[in-house]
Amino acid sequence: MLLMIPAHDLIAMYLAIEIQSLCFYVIVSSKRKSEFSTEASSKYLILGAFPSGILLFWCDQTTTNQFFGTYL
């Protein structure tokens, strides 16, 4: 979360959020013997990829529109 404070652009914000989410995936899957832990970490990874893709698409759309001077 401390990496989001100095983030002045969208890609730095995205990288800070992704680093934080990877830490959460590791924490969830820390119990190797438990099948619930493995299932939860894989669900978090799959369900985290969808919002990550949407966020990257939004960052691409906003920065492209900023360069051309048009806004949606």
C-alpha atoms as a PDB file:
ATOM      1  CA  MET A   1       0.000   0.000   0.000  1.00  0.00           C
ATOM      2  CA  LEU A   2       2.929   2.330   0.556  1.00  0.00           C
ATOM      3  CA  LEU A   3       3.797   2.078  -3.145  1.00  0.00           C
ATOM      4  CA  MET A   4       0.451   3.647  -4.051  1.00  0.00           C
ATOM      5  CA  ILE A   5       1.247   6.884  -2.207  1.00  0.00           C
ATOM      6  CA  PRO A   6       3.956   8.147  -4.599  1.00  0.00           C
ATOM      7  CA  ALA A   7       2.195   6.796  -7.705  1.00  0.00           C
ATOM      8  CA  HIS A   8       1.754   9.698 -10.111  1.00  0.00           C
ATOM      9  CA  ASP A   9       0.561   7.704 -13.079  1.00  0.00           C
ATOM     10  CA  LEU A  10      -1.838   4.855 -13.661  1.00  0.00           C
ATOM     11  CA  ILE A  11       0.746   2.168 -14.437  1.00  0.00           C
ATOM     12  CA  ALA A  12       2.519   2.743 -11.108  1.00  0.00           C
ATOM     13  CA  MET A  13      -0.829   2.435  -9.336  1.00  0.00           C
ATOM     14  CA  TYR A  14      -1.539  -0.801 -11.216  1.00  0.00           C
ATOM     15  CA  LEU A  15       1.842  -2.293 -10.308  1.00  0.00           C
ATOM     16  CA  ALA A  16       1.364  -1.389  -6.634  1.00  0.00           C
ATOM     17  CA  ILE A  17      -2.043  -3.077  -6.555  1.00  0.00           C
ATOM     18  CA  GLU A  18      -0.701  -6.184  -8.303  1.00  0.00           C
ATOM     19  CA  ILE A  19       2.241  -6.514  -5.916  1.00  0.00           C
ATOM     20  CA  GLN A  20      -0.190  -6.273  -3.000  1.00  0.00           C
ATOM     21  CA  SER A  21      -2.522  -8.882  -4.479  1.00  0.00           C
ATOM     22  CA  LEU A  22       0.352 -11.305  -5.096  1.00  0.00           C
ATOM     23  CA  CYS A  23       1.235 -11.032  -1.411  1.00  0.00           C
ATOM     24  CA  PHE A  24      -2.349 -11.888  -0.531  1.00  0.00           C
ATOM     25  CA  TYR A  25      -2.254 -14.944  -2.819  1.00  0.00           C
ATOM     26  CA  VAL A  26       0.856 -16.193  -1.039  1.00  0.00           C
ATOM     27  CA  ILE A  27      -0.693 -15.628   2.393  1.00  0.00           C
ATOM     28  CA  VAL A  28      -3.870 -17.498   1.420  1.00  0.00           C
ATOM     29  CA  SER A  29      -1.962 -20.478   0.058  1.00  0.00           C
ATOM     30  CA  SER A  30       0.491 -20.686   2.964  1.00  0.00           C
ATOM     31  CA  LYS A  31      -0.966 -23.951   4.316  1.00  0.00           C
ATOM     32  CA  ARG A  32       0.327 -26.456   1.783  1.00  0.00           C
ATOM     33  CA  LYS A  33      -1.414 -29.489   3.254  1.00  0.00           C
ATOM     34  CA  SER A  34      -4.900 -27.986   3.179  1.00  0.00           C
ATOM     35  CA  GLU A  35      -6.927 -28.459   0.014  1.00  0.00           C
ATOM     36  CA  PHE A  36      -9.078 -25.464   0.979  1.00  0.00           C
ATOM     37  CA  SER A  37      -6.013 -23.260   0.943  1.00  0.00           C
ATOM     38  CA  THR A  38      -5.017 -24.411  -2.540  1.00  0.00           C
ATOM     39  CA  GLU A  39      -8.553 -23.967  -3.824  1.00  0.00           C
ATOM     40  CA  ALA A  40      -8.859 -20.496  -2.304  1.00  0.00           C
ATOM     41  CA  SER A  41      -5.568 -19.324  -3.763  1.00  0.00           C
ATOM     42  CA  SER A  42      -6.475 -20.548  -7.240  1.00  0.00           C
ATOM     43  CA  LYS A  43      -9.891 -18.849  -6.982  1.00  0.00           C
ATOM     44  CA  TYR A  44      -8.246 -15.605  -5.888  1.00  0.00           C
ATOM     45  CA  LEU A  45      -5.799 -15.836  -8.781  1.00  0.00           C
ATOM     46  CA  ILE A  46      -8.529 -16.454 -11.358  1.00  0.00           C
ATOM     47  CA  LEU A  47     -10.918 -13.887  -9.903  1.00  0.00           C
ATOM     48  CA  GLY A  48      -8.079 -11.376  -9.573  1.00  0.00           C
ATOM     49  CA  ALA A  49      -7.081 -11.697 -13.224  1.00  0.00           C
ATOM     50  CA  PHE A  50     -10.440 -10.416 -14.475  1.00  0.00           C
ATOM     51  CA  PRO A  51     -10.406  -7.063 -12.596  1.00  0.00           C
ATOM     52  CA  SER A  52      -6.733  -6.708 -13.431  1.00  0.00           C
ATOM     53  CA  GLY A  53      -7.514  -6.966 -17.130  1.00  0.00           C
ATOM     54  CA  ILE A  54     -10.343  -4.468 -16.818  1.00  0.00           C
ATOM     55  CA  LEU A  55      -8.079  -2.043 -14.956  1.00  0.00           C
ATOM     56  CA  LEU A  56      -5.373  -2.348 -17.615  1.00  0.00           C
ATOM     57  CA  PHE A  57      -7.941  -1.784 -20.350  1.00  0.00           C
ATOM     58  CA  TRP A  58      -9.244   1.306 -18.524  1.00  0.00           C
ATOM     59  CA  CYS A  59      -5.696   2.647 -18.047  1.00  0.00           C
ATOM     60  CA  ASP A  60      -5.032   2.165 -21.747  1.00  0.00           C
ATOM     61  CA  GLN A  61      -8.241   3.931 -22.741  1.00  0.00           C
ATOM     62  CA  THR A  62      -7.708   6.920 -20.455  1.00  0.00           C
ATOM     63  CA  THR A  63      -4.072   7.470 -21.389  1.00  0.00           C
ATOM     64  CA  THR A  64      -4.803   7.118 -25.120  1.00  0.00           C
ATOM     65  CA  ASN A  65      -7.629   9.621 -24.837  1.00  0.00           C
ATOM     66  CA  GLN A  66      -5.413  12.024 -22.882  1.00  0.00           C
ATOM     67  CA  PHE A  67      -2.796  12.000 -25.629  1.00  0.00           C
ATOM     68  CA  PHE A  68      -5.304  12.721 -28.372  1.00  0.00           C
ATOM     69  CA  GLY A  69      -7.228  15.303 -26.367  1.00  0.00           C
ATOM     70  CA  THR A  70     -10.597  13.528 -26.625  1.00  0.00           C
ATOM     71  CA  TYR A  71     -12.531  12.209 -23.677  1.00  0.00           C
ATOM     72  CA  LEU A  72     -15.299   9.647 -23.576  1.00  0.00           C
END
